[in-house]
């Protein structure tokens, strides 16, 4: 997603549309499980989610619809075992 020739949400080319569809249909439907699974899965899930939201902020709306924002905000609490830099960046993008 970091390569503009492959993923560019402004141009919305065929590759970008295919990646968006894959994220929406295959990945986000399982994100609640990914974030609540045993370590290290949530860490990888948060890292991937950070990249997704950075590249296309429209996915924040989808996260709200899937009620995943509340899970992310729980992780944002100081002292939570899953609090990390990825969650800080995601919450910053949400706000």
Protein backbone atom coordinates (compact mmCIF):
# COMPACT_ATOMS: atom_id res chain seq x y z
CA UNK A 1 0.00 0.00 0.00
CA UNK A 2 2.95 2.33 0.34
CA UNK A 3 3.74 2.21 -3.38
CA UNK A 4 1.75 4.96 -5.13
CA UNK A 5 1.86 3.16 -8.47
CA UNK A 6 0.04 0.25 -6.85
CA UNK A 7 -2.23 1.97 -4.30
CA UNK A 8 -3.48 5.51 -4.81
CA UNK A 9 -6.82 6.30 -3.19
CA UNK A 10 -7.00 9.64 -5.03
CA UNK A 11 -6.85 8.10 -8.50
CA UNK A 12 -8.81 4.98 -7.50
CA UNK A 13 -7.31 2.81 -10.24
CA UNK A 14 -8.16 -0.86 -10.76
CA UNK A 15 -5.42 -2.07 -8.41
CA UNK A 16 -6.52 0.33 -5.66
CA UNK A 17 -10.13 -0.82 -6.05
CA UNK A 18 -9.07 -4.47 -5.81
CA UNK A 19 -7.03 -3.82 -2.66
CA UNK A 20 -9.90 -1.85 -1.09
CA UNK A 21 -12.32 -4.67 -1.87
CA UNK A 22 -9.93 -7.22 -0.37
CA UNK A 23 -9.55 -5.13 2.80
CA UNK A 24 -13.30 -4.59 3.16
CA UNK A 25 -14.52 -8.08 2.35
CA UNK A 26 -11.74 -10.36 3.57
CA UNK A 27 -9.78 -8.48 6.23
CA UNK A 28 -12.12 -6.15 8.11
CA UNK A 29 -14.75 -8.82 8.64
CA UNK A 30 -12.19 -10.65 10.81
CA UNK A 31 -10.57 -7.65 12.48
CA UNK A 32 -12.41 -8.03 15.77
CA UNK A 33 -10.93 -11.53 16.10
CA UNK A 34 -7.49 -10.32 15.03
CA UNK A 35 -7.42 -7.57 17.65
CA UNK A 36 -8.60 -9.83 20.47
CA UNK A 37 -6.52 -12.90 19.55
CA UNK A 38 -3.45 -14.10 21.45
CA UNK A 39 -0.15 -12.29 20.96
CA UNK A 40 1.49 -11.52 18.57
CA UNK A 41 -1.56 -11.37 16.26
CA UNK A 42 -3.00 -8.10 17.66
CA UNK A 43 0.37 -6.37 17.26
CA UNK A 44 0.57 -7.35 13.59
CA UNK A 45 -3.08 -6.40 13.14
CA UNK A 46 -2.49 -2.95 14.64
CA UNK A 47 0.58 -2.40 12.48
CA UNK A 48 -1.38 -3.30 9.35
CA UNK A 49 -4.36 -1.20 10.44
CA UNK A 50 -2.09 1.80 10.98
CA UNK A 51 -0.83 1.55 7.40
CA UNK A 52 -4.35 1.09 6.02
CA UNK A 53 -5.74 4.12 7.86
CA UNK A 54 -2.72 6.27 7.00
CA UNK A 55 -3.08 5.54 3.29
CA UNK A 56 -6.88 5.89 3.18
CA UNK A 57 -8.69 7.70 5.99
CA UNK A 58 -12.05 6.60 4.56
CA UNK A 59 -11.49 3.27 6.33
CA UNK A 60 -12.04 5.04 9.67
CA UNK A 61 -15.74 5.24 8.81
CA UNK A 62 -15.76 1.48 8.20
CA UNK A 63 -14.07 0.89 11.56
CA UNK A 64 -16.83 2.91 13.23
CA UNK A 65 -19.53 0.87 11.49
CA UNK A 66 -17.84 -2.35 12.59
CA UNK A 67 -17.67 -1.01 16.18
CA UNK A 68 -13.89 -1.49 16.29
CA UNK A 69 -13.17 2.06 17.47
CA UNK A 70 -14.19 1.13 21.02
CA UNK A 71 -11.74 -1.81 21.00
CA UNK A 72 -8.98 0.48 19.80
CA UNK A 73 -9.78 3.05 22.47
CA UNK A 74 -9.63 0.35 25.15
CA UNK A 75 -6.09 -0.48 23.99
CA UNK A 76 -5.23 3.25 24.16
CA UNK A 77 -5.55 3.26 27.96
CA UNK A 78 -2.22 3.77 29.67
CA UNK A 79 -1.07 0.54 31.22
CA UNK A 80 -3.09 -1.68 28.88
CA UNK A 81 -0.96 -4.64 27.80
CA UNK A 82 -1.66 -3.93 24.11
CA UNK A 83 -0.87 -0.18 24.31
CA UNK A 84 1.88 0.60 21.78
CA UNK A 85 3.02 3.10 19.19
CA UNK A 86 0.73 1.70 16.50
CA UNK A 87 -2.36 2.31 18.61
CA UNK A 88 -1.22 5.87 19.33
CA UNK A 89 -0.86 6.59 15.61
CA UNK A 90 -4.23 4.99 14.80
CA UNK A 91 -6.08 6.96 17.49
CA UNK A 92 -4.34 10.14 16.32
CA UNK A 93 -5.64 9.50 12.79
CA UNK A 94 -9.13 8.77 14.12
CA UNK A 95 -9.22 12.00 16.11
